[in-house]
Amino acid sequence: MNFPTNWGFYTLSSVEVCLVFKRGPTPKRAVTNMRQFLSEKLTIHSRKPLEIRRRIERMFPIQPKIELFSREKMVGWDAWGNEV
């Protein structure tokens, strides 16, 4: 079976996926009515919108947090990435 070598390049990429994971028991969320969709203007290449971080902080205010593939360090967050 031959598979195409250019999967995913048929449309313009206009979304960025944000995955939220947990470790250990499920934490109680402080906010339970948070919307998934966010529309923001583009900024620096690959920089995540600050509103995403704010929403995660509102949902889980006391749990430790880490941002993977981070471009900058933020107070209250661990950061892993090439550029930090």
PDB file of N, CA and C in Angstrom:
ATOM      1  N   MET A   1       0.839  -1.171   0.000  1.00  0.00           N
ATOM      2  CA  MET A   1       0.000   0.000   0.000  1.00  0.00           C
ATOM      3  C   MET A   1       0.888   1.240   0.000  1.00  0.00           C
ATOM      4  N   ASN A   2       0.627   2.172  -0.879  1.00  0.00           N
ATOM      5  CA  ASN A   2       1.390   3.414  -0.962  1.00  0.00           C
ATOM      6  C   ASN A   2       0.661   4.527  -0.220  1.00  0.00           C
ATOM      7  N   PHE A   3       1.369   5.179   0.668  1.00  0.00           N
ATOM      8  CA  PHE A   3       0.800   6.294   1.416  1.00  0.00           C
ATOM      9  C   PHE A   3       1.397   7.584   0.882  1.00  0.00           C
ATOM     10  N   PRO A   4       0.608   8.670   0.845  1.00  0.00           N
ATOM     11  CA  PRO A   4       1.167   9.944   0.393  1.00  0.00           C
ATOM     12  C   PRO A   4       2.216  10.447   1.373  1.00  0.00           C
ATOM     13  N   THR A   5       3.199  11.145   0.860  1.00  0.00           N
ATOM     14  CA  THR A   5       4.261  11.658   1.720  1.00  0.00           C
ATOM     15  C   THR A   5       3.983  13.079   2.195  1.00  0.00           C
ATOM     16  N   ASN A   6       2.886  13.673   1.770  1.00  0.00           N
ATOM     17  CA  ASN A   6       2.592  15.053   2.144  1.00  0.00           C
ATOM     18  C   ASN A   6       1.262  15.163   2.908  1.00  0.00           C
ATOM     19  N   TRP A   7       1.021  14.276   3.825  1.00  0.00           N
ATOM     20  CA  TRP A   7      -0.215  14.313   4.611  1.00  0.00           C
ATOM     21  C   TRP A   7      -0.322  15.629   5.353  1.00  0.00           C
ATOM     22  N   GLY A   8      -1.505  16.186   5.397  1.00  0.00           N
ATOM     23  CA  GLY A   8      -1.753  17.355   6.213  1.00  0.00           C
ATOM     24  C   GLY A   8      -1.434  18.686   5.564  1.00  0.00           C
ATOM     25  N   PHE A   9      -1.023  18.702   4.312  1.00  0.00           N
ATOM     26  CA  PHE A   9      -0.659  19.954   3.668  1.00  0.00           C
ATOM     27  C   PHE A   9      -1.675  20.353   2.600  1.00  0.00           C
ATOM     28  N   TYR A  10      -2.936  20.015   2.800  1.00  0.00           N
ATOM     29  CA  TYR A  10      -3.962  20.324   1.818  1.00  0.00           C
ATOM     30  C   TYR A  10      -4.706  21.609   2.151  1.00  0.00           C
ATOM     31  N   THR A  11      -4.662  22.037   3.400  1.00  0.00           N
ATOM     32  CA  THR A  11      -5.338  23.264   3.808  1.00  0.00           C
ATOM     33  C   THR A  11      -4.365  24.123   4.612  1.00  0.00           C
ATOM     34  N   LEU A  12      -4.710  25.379   4.803  1.00  0.00           N
ATOM     35  CA  LEU A  12      -3.900  26.261   5.623  1.00  0.00           C
ATOM     36  C   LEU A  12      -4.063  25.871   7.088  1.00  0.00           C
ATOM     37  N   SER A  13      -2.995  25.850   7.816  1.00  0.00           N
ATOM     38  CA  SER A  13      -3.059  25.531   9.231  1.00  0.00           C
ATOM     39  C   SER A  13      -3.530  26.772   9.974  1.00  0.00           C
ATOM     40  N   SER A  14      -4.695  26.692  10.568  1.00  0.00           N
ATOM     41  CA  SER A  14      -5.240  27.874  11.236  1.00  0.00           C
ATOM     42  C   SER A  14      -5.630  27.587  12.683  1.00  0.00           C
ATOM     43  N   VAL A  15      -5.169  26.473  13.219  1.00  0.00           N
ATOM     44  CA  VAL A  15      -5.448  26.159  14.616  1.00  0.00           C
ATOM     45  C   VAL A  15      -4.179  25.638  15.277  1.00  0.00           C
ATOM     46  N   GLU A  16      -4.128  25.786  16.567  1.00  0.00           N
ATOM     47  CA  GLU A  16      -3.061  25.182  17.353  1.00  0.00           C
ATOM     48  C   GLU A  16      -3.728  24.397  18.468  1.00  0.00           C
ATOM     49  N   VAL A  17      -3.307  23.186  18.646  1.00  0.00           N
ATOM     50  CA  VAL A  17      -3.902  22.312  19.644  1.00  0.00           C
ATOM     51  C   VAL A  17      -3.198  22.514  20.977  1.00  0.00           C
ATOM     52  N   CYS A  18      -3.969  22.600  22.031  1.00  0.00           N
ATOM     53  CA  CYS A  18      -3.422  22.698  23.385  1.00  0.00           C
ATOM     54  C   CYS A  18      -3.863  21.457  24.143  1.00  0.00           C
ATOM     55  N   LEU A  19      -2.916  20.658  24.563  1.00  0.00           N
ATOM     56  CA  LEU A  19      -3.226  19.451  25.299  1.00  0.00           C
ATOM     57  C   LEU A  19      -2.942  19.686  26.783  1.00  0.00           C
ATOM     58  N   VAL A  20      -3.881  19.322  27.632  1.00  0.00           N
ATOM     59  CA  VAL A  20      -3.718  19.466  29.076  1.00  0.00           C
ATOM     60  C   VAL A  20      -3.730  18.067  29.668  1.00  0.00           C
ATOM     61  N   PHE A  21      -2.665  17.725  30.384  1.00  0.00           N
ATOM     62  CA  PHE A  21      -2.538  16.406  30.995  1.00  0.00           C
ATOM     63  C   PHE A  21      -2.448  16.558  32.496  1.00  0.00           C
ATOM     64  N   LYS A  22      -2.628  15.460  33.178  1.00  0.00           N
ATOM     65  CA  LYS A  22      -2.488  15.441  34.627  1.00  0.00           C
ATOM     66  C   LYS A  22      -1.651  14.257  35.038  1.00  0.00           C
ATOM     67  N   ARG A  23      -1.097  14.356  36.225  1.00  0.00           N
ATOM     68  CA  ARG A  23      -0.359  13.245  36.801  1.00  0.00           C
ATOM     69  C   ARG A  23      -0.949  13.003  38.175  1.00  0.00           C
ATOM     70  N   GLY A  24      -1.249  11.756  38.466  1.00  0.00           N
ATOM     71  CA  GLY A  24      -1.823  11.429  39.764  1.00  0.00           C
ATOM     72  C   GLY A  24      -3.336  11.524  39.751  1.00  0.00           C
ATOM     73  N   PRO A  25      -3.923  11.612  40.950  1.00  0.00           N
ATOM     74  CA  PRO A  25      -5.386  11.671  41.042  1.00  0.00           C
ATOM     75  C   PRO A  25      -5.934  12.895  40.305  1.00  0.00           C
ATOM     76  N   THR A  26      -7.142  12.786  39.823  1.00  0.00           N
ATOM     77  CA  THR A  26      -7.764  13.886  39.107  1.00  0.00           C
ATOM     78  C   THR A  26      -7.980  15.053  40.057  1.00  0.00           C
ATOM     79  N   PRO A  27      -7.383  16.214  39.746  1.00  0.00           N
ATOM     80  CA  PRO A  27      -7.559  17.366  40.625  1.00  0.00           C
ATOM     81  C   PRO A  27      -8.951  17.970  40.470  1.00  0.00           C
ATOM     82  N   LYS A  28      -9.439  18.549  41.524  1.00  0.00           N
ATOM     83  CA  LYS A  28     -10.715  19.253  41.453  1.00  0.00           C
ATOM     84  C   LYS A  28     -10.470  20.572  40.736  1.00  0.00           C
ATOM     85  N   ARG A  29     -11.287  20.846  39.726  1.00  0.00           N
ATOM     86  CA  ARG A  29     -11.143  22.094  38.980  1.00  0.00           C
ATOM     87  C   ARG A  29     -11.838  23.227  39.723  1.00  0.00           C
ATOM     88  N   ALA A  30     -11.197  24.376  39.775  1.00  0.00           N
ATOM     89  CA  ALA A  30     -11.798  25.544  40.406  1.00  0.00           C
ATOM     90  C   ALA A  30     -12.887  26.135  39.514  1.00  0.00           C
ATOM     91  N   VAL A  31     -12.732  25.990  38.202  1.00  0.00           N
ATOM     92  CA  VAL A  31     -13.696  26.488  37.224  1.00  0.00           C
ATOM     93  C   VAL A  31     -14.073  25.319  36.332  1.00  0.00           C
ATOM     94  N   THR A  32     -15.356  25.120  36.107  1.00  0.00           N
ATOM     95  CA  THR A  32     -15.779  23.974  35.295  1.00  0.00           C
ATOM     96  C   THR A  32     -16.479  24.387  34.003  1.00  0.00           C
ATOM     97  N   ASN A  33     -16.596  25.678  33.736  1.00  0.00           N
ATOM     98  CA  ASN A  33     -17.313  26.124  32.532  1.00  0.00           C
ATOM     99  C   ASN A  33     -16.381  26.808  31.526  1.00  0.00           C
ATOM    100  N   MET A  34     -15.142  26.360  31.451  1.00  0.00           N
ATOM    101  CA  MET A  34     -14.151  26.977  30.570  1.00  0.00           C
ATOM    102  C   MET A  34     -14.382  26.544  29.127  1.00  0.00           C
ATOM    103  N   ARG A  35     -14.406  27.489  28.220  1.00  0.00           N
ATOM    104  CA  ARG A  35     -14.570  27.199  26.794  1.00  0.00           C
ATOM    105  C   ARG A  35     -13.263  26.682  26.196  1.00  0.00           C
ATOM    106  N   GLN A  36     -13.381  25.777  25.221  1.00  0.00           N
ATOM    107  CA  GLN A  36     -12.200  25.253  24.537  1.00  0.00           C
ATOM    108  C   GLN A  36     -11.709  26.206  23.457  1.00  0.00           C
ATOM    109  N   PHE A  37     -12.640  26.848  22.766  1.00  0.00           N
ATOM    110  CA  PHE A  37     -12.279  27.652  21.594  1.00  0.00           C
ATOM    111  C   PHE A  37     -11.719  29.007  22.011  1.00  0.00           C
ATOM    112  N   LEU A  38     -10.649  29.422  21.337  1.00  0.00           N
ATOM    113  CA  LEU A  38     -10.051  30.737  21.537  1.00  0.00           C
ATOM    114  C   LEU A  38      -9.593  31.244  20.186  1.00  0.00           C
ATOM    115  N   SER A  39      -9.957  32.464  19.858  1.00  0.00           N
ATOM    116  CA  SER A  39      -9.514  33.092  18.617  1.00  0.00           C
ATOM    117  C   SER A  39      -8.638  34.277  18.973  1.00  0.00           C
ATOM    118  N   GLU A  40      -7.390  34.254  18.538  1.00  0.00           N
ATOM    119  CA  GLU A  40      -6.415  35.306  18.843  1.00  0.00           C
ATOM    120  C   GLU A  40      -5.682  35.682  17.557  1.00  0.00           C
ATOM    121  N   LYS A  41      -5.187  36.901  17.503  1.00  0.00           N
ATOM    122  CA  LYS A  41      -4.342  37.304  16.377  1.00  0.00           C
ATOM    123  C   LYS A  41      -2.984  36.633  16.501  1.00  0.00           C
ATOM    124  N   LEU A  42      -2.369  36.343  15.363  1.00  0.00           N
ATOM    125  CA  LEU A  42      -1.042  35.733  15.356  1.00  0.00           C
ATOM    126  C   LEU A  42      -0.018  36.691  15.952  1.00  0.00           C
ATOM    127  N   THR A  43       0.934  36.118  16.678  1.00  0.00           N
ATOM    128  CA  THR A  43       2.040  36.907  17.215  1.00  0.00           C
ATOM    129  C   THR A  43       3.333  36.282  16.709  1.00  0.00           C
ATOM    130  N   ILE A  44       4.328  36.220  17.546  1.00  0.00           N
ATOM    131  CA  ILE A  44       5.604  35.621  17.181  1.00  0.00           C
ATOM    132  C   ILE A  44       5.409  34.140  16.861  1.00  0.00           C
ATOM    133  N   HIS A  45       6.126  33.657  15.868  1.00  0.00           N
ATOM    134  CA  HIS A  45       6.008  32.261  15.443  1.00  0.00           C
ATOM    135  C   HIS A  45       6.058  31.316  16.630  1.00  0.00           C
ATOM    136  N   SER A  46       5.065  30.451  16.722  1.00  0.00           N
ATOM    137  CA  SER A  46       5.008  29.358  17.687  1.00  0.00           C
ATOM    138  C   SER A  46       4.782  29.801  19.135  1.00  0.00           C
ATOM    139  N   ARG A  47       4.531  31.061  19.373  1.00  0.00           N
ATOM    140  CA  ARG A  47       4.244  31.519  20.734  1.00  0.00           C
ATOM    141  C   ARG A  47       2.788  31.228  21.065  1.00  0.00           C
ATOM    142  N   LYS A  48       2.580  30.621  22.223  1.00  0.00           N
ATOM    143  CA  LYS A  48       1.228  30.279  22.649  1.00  0.00           C
ATOM    144  C   LYS A  48       0.528  31.528  23.183  1.00  0.00           C
ATOM    145  N   PRO A  49      -0.758  31.683  22.933  1.00  0.00           N
ATOM    146  CA  PRO A  49      -1.478  32.838  23.474  1.00  0.00           C
ATOM    147  C   PRO A  49      -1.480  32.822  25.007  1.00  0.00           C
ATOM    148  N   LEU A  50      -1.270  33.981  25.613  1.00  0.00           N
ATOM    149  CA  LEU A  50      -1.277  34.069  27.076  1.00  0.00           C
ATOM    150  C   LEU A  50      -2.628  33.671  27.661  1.00  0.00           C
ATOM    151  N   GLU A  51      -3.700  33.867  26.913  1.00  0.00           N
ATOM    152  CA  GLU A  51      -5.028  33.521  27.421  1.00  0.00           C
ATOM    153  C   GLU A  51      -5.141  32.029  27.712  1.00  0.00           C
ATOM    154  N   ILE A  52      -4.453  31.187  26.962  1.00  0.00           N
ATOM    155  CA  ILE A  52      -4.476  29.748  27.228  1.00  0.00           C
ATOM    156  C   ILE A  52      -3.894  29.468  28.608  1.00  0.00           C
ATOM    157  N   ARG A  53      -2.769  30.079  28.899  1.00  0.00           N
ATOM    158  CA  ARG A  53      -2.144  29.894  30.209  1.00  0.00           C
ATOM    159  C   ARG A  53      -3.070  30.407  31.315  1.00  0.00           C
ATOM    160  N   ARG A  54      -3.691  31.562  31.088  1.00  0.00           N
ATOM    161  CA  ARG A  54      -4.623  32.116  32.089  1.00  0.00           C
ATOM    162  C   ARG A  54      -5.790  31.177  32.351  1.00  0.00           C
ATOM    163  N   ARG A  55      -6.316  30.577  31.310  1.00  0.00           N
ATOM    164  CA  ARG A  55      -7.444  29.648  31.480  1.00  0.00           C
ATOM    165  C   ARG A  55      -7.015  28.420  32.287  1.00  0.00           C
ATOM    166  N   ILE A  56      -5.848  27.896  31.992  1.00  0.00           N
ATOM    167  CA  ILE A  56      -5.356  26.735  32.745  1.00  0.00           C
ATOM    168  C   ILE A  56      -5.149  27.115  34.206  1.00  0.00           C
ATOM    169  N   GLU A  57      -4.614  28.299  34.460  1.00  0.00           N
ATOM    170  CA  GLU A  57      -4.405  28.751  35.838  1.00  0.00           C
ATOM    171  C   GLU A  57      -5.727  28.935  36.580  1.00  0.00           C
ATOM    172  N   ARG A  58      -6.765  29.400  35.879  1.00  0.00           N
ATOM    173  CA  ARG A  58      -8.081  29.539  36.524  1.00  0.00           C
ATOM    174  C   ARG A  58      -8.697  28.182  36.831  1.00  0.00           C
ATOM    175  N   MET A  59      -8.511  27.213  35.945  1.00  0.00           N
ATOM    176  CA  MET A  59      -9.082  25.880  36.181  1.00  0.00           C
ATOM    177  C   MET A  59      -8.349  25.143  37.285  1.00  0.00           C
ATOM    178  N   PHE A  60      -7.020  25.263  37.317  1.00  0.00           N
ATOM    179  CA  PHE A  60      -6.195  24.519  38.265  1.00  0.00           C
ATOM    180  C   PHE A  60      -5.250  25.473  38.993  1.00  0.00           C
ATOM    181  N   PRO A  61      -5.763  26.277  39.922  1.00  0.00           N
ATOM    182  CA  PRO A  61      -4.942  27.331  40.526  1.00  0.00           C
ATOM    183  C   PRO A  61      -3.820  26.844  41.431  1.00  0.00           C
ATOM    184  N   ILE A  62      -3.940  25.684  42.055  1.00  0.00           N
ATOM    185  CA  ILE A  62      -2.920  25.271  43.028  1.00  0.00           C
ATOM    186  C   ILE A  62      -2.042  24.124  42.540  1.00  0.00           C
ATOM    187  N   GLN A  63      -2.381  23.494  41.446  1.00  0.00           N
ATOM    188  CA  GLN A  63      -1.595  22.374  40.946  1.00  0.00           C
ATOM    189  C   GLN A  63      -0.321  22.876  40.269  1.00  0.00           C
ATOM    190  N   PRO A  64       0.775  22.096  40.372  1.00  0.00           N
ATOM    191  CA  PRO A  64       1.989  22.477  39.641  1.00  0.00           C
ATOM    192  C   PRO A  64       1.747  22.390  38.134  1.00  0.00           C
ATOM    193  N   LYS A  65       2.392  23.271  37.392  1.00  0.00           N
ATOM    194  CA  LYS A  65       2.183  23.322  35.947  1.00  0.00           C
ATOM    195  C   LYS A  65       3.527  23.346  35.228  1.00  0.00           C
ATOM    196  N   ILE A  66       3.532  22.786  34.015  1.00  0.00           N
ATOM    197  CA  ILE A  66       4.728  22.812  33.172  1.00  0.00           C
ATOM    198  C   ILE A  66       4.285  23.086  31.743  1.00  0.00           C
ATOM    199  N   GLU A  67       5.069  23.886  31.040  1.00  0.00           N
ATOM    200  CA  GLU A  67       4.823  24.117  29.623  1.00  0.00           C
ATOM    201  C   GLU A  67       5.960  23.478  28.847  1.00  0.00           C
ATOM    202  N   LEU A  68       5.608  22.564  27.957  1.00  0.00           N
ATOM    203  CA  LEU A  68       6.598  21.912  27.111  1.00  0.00           C
ATOM    204  C   LEU A  68       6.783  22.735  25.835  1.00  0.00           C
ATOM    205  N   PHE A  69       7.950  22.681  25.262  1.00  0.00           N
ATOM    206  CA  PHE A  69       8.283  23.436  24.055  1.00  0.00           C
ATOM    207  C   PHE A  69       8.110  24.933  24.299  1.00  0.00           C
ATOM    208  N   SER A  70       8.477  25.355  25.487  1.00  0.00           N
ATOM    209  CA  SER A  70       8.288  26.735  25.908  1.00  0.00           C
ATOM    210  C   SER A  70       9.323  27.656  25.282  1.00  0.00           C
ATOM    211  N   ARG A  71       8.942  28.899  25.066  1.00  0.00           N
ATOM    212  CA  ARG A  71       9.849  29.927  24.558  1.00  0.00           C
ATOM    213  C   ARG A  71      10.252  30.899  25.655  1.00  0.00           C
ATOM    214  N   GLU A  72       9.555  30.857  26.788  1.00  0.00           N
ATOM    215  CA  GLU A  72       9.859  31.780  27.878  1.00  0.00           C
ATOM    216  C   GLU A  72       9.435  31.178  29.208  1.00  0.00           C
ATOM    217  N   LYS A  73      10.044  31.670  30.285  1.00  0.00           N
ATOM    218  CA  LYS A  73       9.673  31.219  31.621  1.00  0.00           C
ATOM    219  C   LYS A  73       8.566  32.114  32.154  1.00  0.00           C
ATOM    220  N   MET A  74       7.615  31.506  32.838  1.00  0.00           N
ATOM    221  CA  MET A  74       6.524  32.252  33.449  1.00  0.00           C
ATOM    222  C   MET A  74       6.470  31.906  34.935  1.00  0.00           C
ATOM    223  N   VAL A  75       6.126  32.869  35.745  1.00  0.00           N
ATOM    224  CA  VAL A  75       6.032  32.666  37.192  1.00  0.00           C
ATOM    225  C   VAL A  75       4.976  31.604  37.484  1.00  0.00           C
ATOM    226  N   GLY A  76       5.352  30.631  38.313  1.00  0.00           N
ATOM    227  CA  GLY A  76       4.417  29.584  38.696  1.00  0.00           C
ATOM    228  C   GLY A  76       4.393  28.388  37.755  1.00  0.00           C
ATOM    229  N   TRP A  77       5.181  28.419  36.711  1.00  0.00           N
ATOM    230  CA  TRP A  77       5.223  27.343  35.731  1.00  0.00           C
ATOM    231  C   TRP A  77       6.657  26.856  35.585  1.00  0.00           C
ATOM    232  N   ASP A  78       6.816  25.529  35.454  1.00  0.00           N
ATOM    233  CA  ASP A  78       8.100  24.985  35.004  1.00  0.00           C
ATOM    234  C   ASP A  78       8.072  25.112  33.484  1.00  0.00           C
ATOM    235  N   ALA A  79       9.239  25.247  32.874  1.00  0.00           N
ATOM    236  CA  ALA A  79       9.306  25.403  31.426  1.00  0.00           C
ATOM    237  C   ALA A  79      10.391  24.512  30.863  1.00  0.00           C
ATOM    238  N   TRP A  80      10.026  23.720  29.873  1.00  0.00           N
ATOM    239  CA  TRP A  80      10.973  22.895  29.140  1.00  0.00           C
ATOM    240  C   TRP A  80      10.930  23.354  27.688  1.00  0.00           C
ATOM    241  N   GLY A  81      12.066  23.586  27.119  1.00  0.00           N
ATOM    242  CA  GLY A  81      12.105  23.958  25.719  1.00  0.00           C
ATOM    243  C   GLY A  81      13.471  24.397  25.301  1.00  0.00           C
ATOM    244  N   ASN A  82      13.689  24.422  24.021  1.00  0.00           N
ATOM    245  CA  ASN A  82      14.972  24.806  23.440  1.00  0.00           C
ATOM    246  C   ASN A  82      15.350  26.239  23.773  1.00  0.00           C
ATOM    247  N   GLU A  83      14.369  27.095  23.914  1.00  0.00           N
ATOM    248  CA  GLU A  83      14.640  28.517  23.977  1.00  0.00           C
ATOM    249  C   GLU A  83      14.592  29.109  25.384  1.00  0.00           C
ATOM    250  N   VAL A  84      14.420  28.281  26.400  1.00  0.00           N
ATOM    251  CA  VAL A  84      14.415  28.819  27.775  1.00  0.00           C
ATOM    252  C   VAL A  84      15.710  28.498  28.469  1.00  0.00           C
TER     253      VAL A  84
END
